């Protein structure tokens, strides 16, 4: 079945960005001139997604507002003759068909994903996005994992390569190489392993194709964390223990973990430099700033 639907899990508190996220969802923090989540929605739509379900939580109303119409703003832009900006904001709510469901209590990302189940066909595979991570557009990561799913009819994880010193922060993929470029077969999945005990430095970047079978495994999973939260990682672990086929995409270019401040800053700098109207002047500023801080 062709994947036309995506679930965006956006119910978390964003505690790593407090106080910035006290009243503003972390997914709405801007990378240059667009919120993080819009980059991911646009990439999903480019990959063929037509319907998007946001699993939200308390204080996430600005996400709904962003992907909805703003009649007052549209009128103001039209009156001022800012038709390019008018076209730009109108395009946002026309990207896809949007729906929203709440996770009433924070019980983990796996529980949040299951909150979207009433919106899914029982036989339907779905794209799942945890919008903490931005992969470079050149990777076409979402398109790639959908292509891998279409070929193998099995769940797929989008990976990223990180330094060995960082692997303990992520879900880490143990894998066998395949003859396909950028595709590996997952043989194990370890959530936040201790330093020196990770099977590889290929980590989960938070983009997945989830099949009905994997969703069924998640429903039967029991929370493994101390706080009783259900994780999608639990289903991946069980899938590999059951020797079921599971694949991962191993990208060419590394991504940005925008769930932490350093990754967010790196993404802001790189995306800013790619803006034609900002690039040269911004680069000059950065060079001057580096020289200044070296002297300081």
Protein backbone atom coordinates (compact mmCIF):
# COMPACT_ATOMS: atom_id res chain seq x y z
CA UNK A 1 0.00 0.00 0.00
CA UNK A 2 1.35 3.42 -0.97
CA UNK A 3 2.20 5.60 2.02
CA UNK A 4 0.11 8.74 1.95
CA UNK A 5 -0.27 9.43 5.66
CA UNK A 6 2.17 10.66 8.31
CA UNK A 7 2.00 10.91 12.09
CA UNK A 8 3.99 13.73 13.69
CA UNK A 9 4.54 13.11 17.41
CA UNK A 10 4.73 16.59 18.97
CA UNK A 11 3.42 16.06 22.49
CA UNK A 12 6.68 16.47 24.46
CA UNK A 13 7.46 19.30 26.88
CA UNK A 14 10.78 20.35 25.30
CA UNK A 15 12.47 20.58 28.70
CA UNK A 16 15.97 20.84 27.19
CA UNK A 17 15.04 24.28 25.81
CA UNK A 18 13.48 25.81 28.90
CA UNK A 19 12.65 28.62 29.48
CA UNK A 20 12.23 29.19 25.70
CA UNK A 21 9.69 26.36 25.52
CA UNK A 22 7.66 27.32 28.59
CA UNK A 23 4.94 28.81 26.36
CA UNK A 24 6.29 27.94 22.90
CA UNK A 25 6.50 24.37 21.55
CA UNK A 26 10.05 23.35 20.70
CA UNK A 27 8.80 22.24 17.28
CA UNK A 28 7.90 25.86 16.55
CA UNK A 29 11.35 27.25 17.28
CA UNK A 30 12.60 28.85 14.04
CA UNK A 31 15.55 27.71 12.00
CA UNK A 32 16.22 31.01 10.20
CA UNK A 33 12.73 31.92 8.94
CA UNK A 34 10.67 28.74 9.35
CA UNK A 35 9.80 26.61 12.37
CA UNK A 36 11.51 23.24 12.59
CA UNK A 37 8.28 21.38 12.03
CA UNK A 38 7.51 23.14 8.74
CA UNK A 39 10.75 21.90 7.17
CA UNK A 40 9.70 18.34 8.01
CA UNK A 41 6.13 18.76 6.82
CA UNK A 42 7.39 20.15 3.51
CA UNK A 43 9.83 17.27 3.06
CA UNK A 44 7.10 14.75 3.85
CA UNK A 45 4.77 16.34 1.31
CA UNK A 46 7.54 16.29 -1.32
CA UNK A 47 7.86 12.55 -0.64
CA UNK A 48 4.18 12.01 -1.44
CA UNK A 49 2.45 12.44 1.93
CA UNK A 50 -1.06 13.86 1.62
CA UNK A 51 -2.47 13.57 5.15
CA UNK A 52 -0.69 14.55 8.38
CA UNK A 53 -1.84 13.72 11.91
CA UNK A 54 -0.26 15.72 14.72
CA UNK A 55 -0.26 14.03 18.13
CA UNK A 56 -0.15 17.07 20.38
CA UNK A 57 -0.24 17.86 24.08
CA UNK A 58 -1.04 20.72 26.38
CA UNK A 59 0.31 24.08 25.17
CA UNK A 60 0.72 23.05 21.52
CA UNK A 61 -2.01 25.26 20.05
CA UNK A 62 0.49 27.31 18.05
CA UNK A 63 1.21 24.25 15.88
CA UNK A 64 -2.46 24.06 14.92
CA UNK A 65 -2.55 27.81 14.32
CA UNK A 66 0.54 27.68 12.12
CA UNK A 67 -0.95 25.12 9.74
CA UNK A 68 -4.38 26.76 9.73
CA UNK A 69 -5.54 29.89 7.91
CA UNK A 70 -5.15 33.31 9.49
CA UNK A 71 -7.86 35.43 7.90
CA UNK A 72 -6.84 38.62 9.73
CA UNK A 73 -3.21 38.27 8.66
CA UNK A 74 -4.22 37.47 5.08
CA UNK A 75 -6.37 40.60 4.96
CA UNK A 76 -3.60 42.78 6.39
CA UNK A 77 -1.02 41.49 3.90
CA UNK A 78 -3.41 42.00 0.98
CA UNK A 79 -4.21 45.56 2.09
CA UNK A 80 -0.50 46.38 2.31
CA UNK A 81 0.22 44.87 -1.09
CA UNK A 82 2.55 42.21 0.32
CA UNK A 83 1.29 39.59 -2.08
CA UNK A 84 4.46 37.48 -1.98
CA UNK A 85 4.08 37.05 1.78
CA UNK A 86 0.37 36.38 1.35
CA UNK A 87 1.12 33.58 -1.11
CA UNK A 88 3.74 32.18 1.26
CA UNK A 89 1.44 31.91 4.27
CA UNK A 90 -1.48 30.60 2.20
CA UNK A 91 0.75 27.82 0.91
CA UNK A 92 1.33 26.51 4.46
CA UNK A 93 -2.26 25.45 5.17
CA UNK A 94 -2.53 23.97 1.67
CA UNK A 95 0.47 21.65 2.06
CA UNK A 96 -1.63 18.67 3.19
CA UNK A 97 -4.81 17.66 4.99
CA UNK A 98 -4.13 18.14 8.70
CA UNK A 99 -5.72 16.46 11.71
CA UNK A 100 -4.95 16.71 15.41
CA UNK A 101 -5.28 14.35 18.35
CA UNK A 102 -4.10 14.87 21.91
CA UNK A 103 -1.98 12.63 24.07
CA UNK A 104 -3.86 13.26 27.33
CA UNK A 105 -1.02 12.14 29.61
CA UNK A 106 2.71 11.98 28.89
CA UNK A 107 3.32 8.23 28.70
CA UNK A 108 6.13 8.10 26.14
CA UNK A 109 6.51 8.46 22.39
CA UNK A 110 5.14 4.96 21.78
CA UNK A 111 1.95 5.80 23.66
CA UNK A 112 1.69 9.07 21.72
CA UNK A 113 1.93 7.19 18.44
CA UNK A 114 -0.83 4.81 19.52
CA UNK A 115 -3.07 7.84 20.16
CA UNK A 116 -3.15 8.28 16.36
CA UNK A 117 -4.33 4.73 15.70
CA UNK A 118 -8.03 5.68 15.25
CA UNK A 119 -6.94 7.75 12.23
CA UNK A 120 -5.18 4.81 10.58
CA UNK A 121 -6.48 1.99 8.41
CA UNK A 122 -5.73 -1.41 10.06
CA UNK A 123 -3.73 -2.47 6.99
CA UNK A 124 -1.99 0.86 6.50
CA UNK A 125 1.73 1.55 6.88
CA UNK A 126 2.50 5.10 7.92
CA UNK A 127 5.36 7.58 8.05
CA UNK A 128 6.19 8.59 11.63
CA UNK A 129 8.18 11.71 12.48
CA UNK A 130 9.61 12.81 15.82
CA UNK A 131 10.46 16.43 14.90
CA UNK A 132 13.65 16.83 16.91
CA UNK A 133 15.96 16.02 14.03
CA UNK A 134 16.60 17.83 10.76
CA UNK A 135 18.38 15.94 8.02
CA UNK A 136 19.95 17.85 5.08
CA UNK A 137 17.55 18.25 2.17
CA UNK A 138 20.14 16.65 -0.15
CA UNK A 139 19.74 13.35 1.70
CA UNK A 140 16.04 13.15 0.76
CA UNK A 141 15.75 11.03 3.91
CA UNK A 142 11.97 10.75 4.04
CA UNK A 143 11.75 9.85 0.37
CA UNK A 144 14.51 7.27 0.81
CA UNK A 145 12.91 5.44 3.72
CA UNK A 146 9.61 5.27 1.85
CA UNK A 147 11.44 3.83 -1.17
CA UNK A 148 13.12 1.23 1.05
CA UNK A 149 9.75 0.29 2.50
CA UNK A 150 8.23 0.00 -0.97
CA UNK A 151 11.00 -2.41 -1.99
CA UNK A 152 11.09 -4.58 1.14
CA UNK A 153 7.58 -4.18 2.61
CA UNK A 154 9.10 -3.91 6.09
CA UNK A 155 9.57 -1.18 8.72
CA UNK A 156 12.38 1.30 8.11
CA UNK A 157 14.40 3.58 10.41
CA UNK A 158 16.15 6.69 9.16
CA UNK A 159 19.61 6.68 10.70
CA UNK A 160 22.35 9.22 11.24
CA UNK A 161 26.06 8.82 11.94
CA UNK A 162 27.29 10.44 15.15
CA UNK A 163 30.67 10.44 16.94
CA UNK A 164 31.27 7.56 19.32
CA UNK A 165 31.15 9.98 22.25
CA UNK A 166 27.51 10.85 21.41
CA UNK A 167 25.94 7.42 20.88
CA UNK A 168 24.81 6.99 24.49
CA UNK A 169 22.24 9.76 23.94
CA UNK A 170 20.31 7.87 21.25
CA UNK A 171 18.78 4.64 20.11
CA UNK A 172 21.64 2.81 18.38
CA UNK A 173 21.29 0.42 15.45
CA UNK A 174 23.19 -2.85 15.17
CA UNK A 175 23.18 -3.83 11.52
CA UNK A 176 24.37 -5.98 8.66
CA UNK A 177 25.41 -4.28 5.43
CA UNK A 178 23.52 -5.02 2.23
CA UNK A 179 24.31 -4.71 -1.46
CA UNK A 180 22.03 -1.66 -1.66
CA UNK A 181 23.70 1.71 -1.27
CA UNK A 182 22.67 3.42 1.95
CA UNK A 183 20.53 0.47 3.12
CA UNK A 184 21.36 -1.79 6.06
CA UNK A 185 19.51 -4.67 7.67
CA UNK A 186 18.80 -4.05 11.35
CA UNK A 187 19.74 -6.97 13.60
CA UNK A 188 19.54 -5.18 16.94
CA UNK A 189 18.44 -1.95 18.54
CA UNK A 190 19.85 -0.59 21.80
CA UNK A 191 18.29 2.41 23.52
CA UNK A 192 20.92 4.79 24.98
CA UNK A 193 23.74 2.27 25.53
CA UNK A 194 26.57 3.00 27.95
CA UNK A 195 29.69 4.55 26.44
CA UNK A 196 31.85 1.87 24.86
CA UNK A 197 28.99 -0.64 24.62
CA UNK A 198 27.21 0.65 21.52
CA UNK A 199 27.09 -1.80 18.59
CA UNK A 200 27.72 1.01 16.07
CA UNK A 201 27.55 4.77 15.68
CA UNK A 202 24.44 4.60 13.48
CA UNK A 203 21.61 6.11 15.53
CA UNK A 204 17.91 6.62 14.99
CA UNK A 205 17.17 10.10 13.65
CA UNK A 206 13.46 9.94 14.47
CA UNK A 207 11.97 9.30 11.02
CA UNK A 208 10.33 5.90 10.50
CA UNK A 209 8.05 3.87 8.30
CA UNK A 210 5.85 1.89 10.69
CA UNK A 211 3.91 -1.11 9.46
CA UNK A 212 0.69 -2.52 10.98
CA UNK A 213 2.72 -5.48 12.28
CA UNK A 214 5.16 -3.20 14.10
CA UNK A 215 2.27 -1.16 15.49
CA UNK A 216 0.77 -4.40 16.79
CA UNK A 217 4.03 -5.25 18.53
CA UNK A 218 4.06 -1.77 20.09
CA UNK A 219 0.50 -2.25 21.41
CA UNK A 220 1.56 -5.46 23.16
CA UNK A 221 4.79 -3.98 24.55
CA UNK A 222 5.17 -3.18 28.22
CA UNK A 223 6.98 -0.03 29.38
CA UNK A 224 10.65 -0.66 30.10
CA UNK A 225 11.63 2.73 31.52
CA UNK A 226 11.68 3.66 35.20
CA UNK A 227 8.99 6.27 34.63
CA UNK A 228 6.69 3.76 32.95
CA UNK A 229 6.78 5.35 29.50
CA UNK A 230 6.17 3.29 26.37
CA UNK A 231 8.75 3.79 23.62
CA UNK A 232 8.67 2.92 19.94
CA UNK A 233 12.20 1.64 20.58
CA UNK A 234 10.64 -1.18 22.65
CA UNK A 235 8.85 -2.43 19.54
CA UNK A 236 12.05 -2.26 17.48
CA UNK A 237 13.88 -4.32 20.10
CA UNK A 238 11.15 -6.95 20.10
CA UNK A 239 11.06 -6.98 16.30
CA UNK A 240 14.76 -7.81 16.12
CA UNK A 241 14.45 -10.45 18.87
CA UNK A 242 11.70 -12.08 16.80
CA UNK A 243 14.02 -12.01 13.74
CA UNK A 244 11.52 -10.00 11.73
CA UNK A 245 12.80 -7.93 8.78
CA UNK A 246 13.70 -4.37 9.71
CA UNK A 247 15.79 -1.95 7.66
CA UNK A 248 17.58 1.34 8.15
CA UNK A 249 18.72 4.12 5.87
CA UNK A 250 22.36 5.12 6.33
CA UNK A 251 22.61 8.68 4.94
CA UNK A 252 25.51 10.37 3.20
CA UNK A 253 25.36 13.67 5.09
CA UNK A 254 24.95 13.99 8.88
CA UNK A 255 21.94 15.74 10.34
CA UNK A 256 21.19 18.12 13.18
CA UNK A 257 19.74 17.12 16.53
CA UNK A 258 17.58 20.20 17.07
CA UNK A 259 16.34 18.73 20.32
CA UNK A 260 19.46 20.09 22.00
CA UNK A 261 20.84 23.62 21.96
CA UNK A 262 24.13 22.89 20.18
CA UNK A 263 22.44 20.97 17.37
CA UNK A 264 19.87 23.73 17.02
CA UNK A 265 22.63 26.35 16.71
CA UNK A 266 24.49 24.27 14.11
CA UNK A 267 21.34 23.91 12.03
CA UNK A 268 20.64 27.64 12.27
CA UNK A 269 24.12 28.50 11.05
CA UNK A 270 24.15 26.00 8.17
CA UNK A 271 20.63 26.85 6.99
CA UNK A 272 21.41 30.55 7.30
CA UNK A 273 24.49 30.21 5.12
CA UNK A 274 22.39 28.46 2.48
CA UNK A 275 20.08 31.47 2.19
CA UNK A 276 21.23 33.42 -0.88
CA UNK A 277 20.08 36.75 0.54
CA UNK A 278 21.94 36.11 3.81
CA UNK A 279 24.85 33.86 2.96
CA UNK A 280 27.79 36.18 2.24
CA UNK A 281 27.00 38.81 4.85
CA UNK A 282 26.24 36.15 7.46
CA UNK A 283 29.51 34.38 6.69
CA UNK A 284 31.43 37.63 7.14
CA UNK A 285 29.72 38.14 10.49
CA UNK A 286 30.61 34.62 11.62
CA UNK A 287 34.25 35.04 10.60
CA UNK A 288 34.45 38.35 12.49
CA UNK A 289 32.75 36.78 15.52
CA UNK A 290 35.26 33.90 15.56
CA UNK A 291 38.19 36.32 15.43
CA UNK A 292 36.68 38.45 18.19
CA UNK A 293 36.12 35.50 20.51
CA UNK A 294 39.61 34.15 19.86
CA UNK A 295 41.03 37.45 21.08
CA UNK A 296 38.66 37.46 24.06
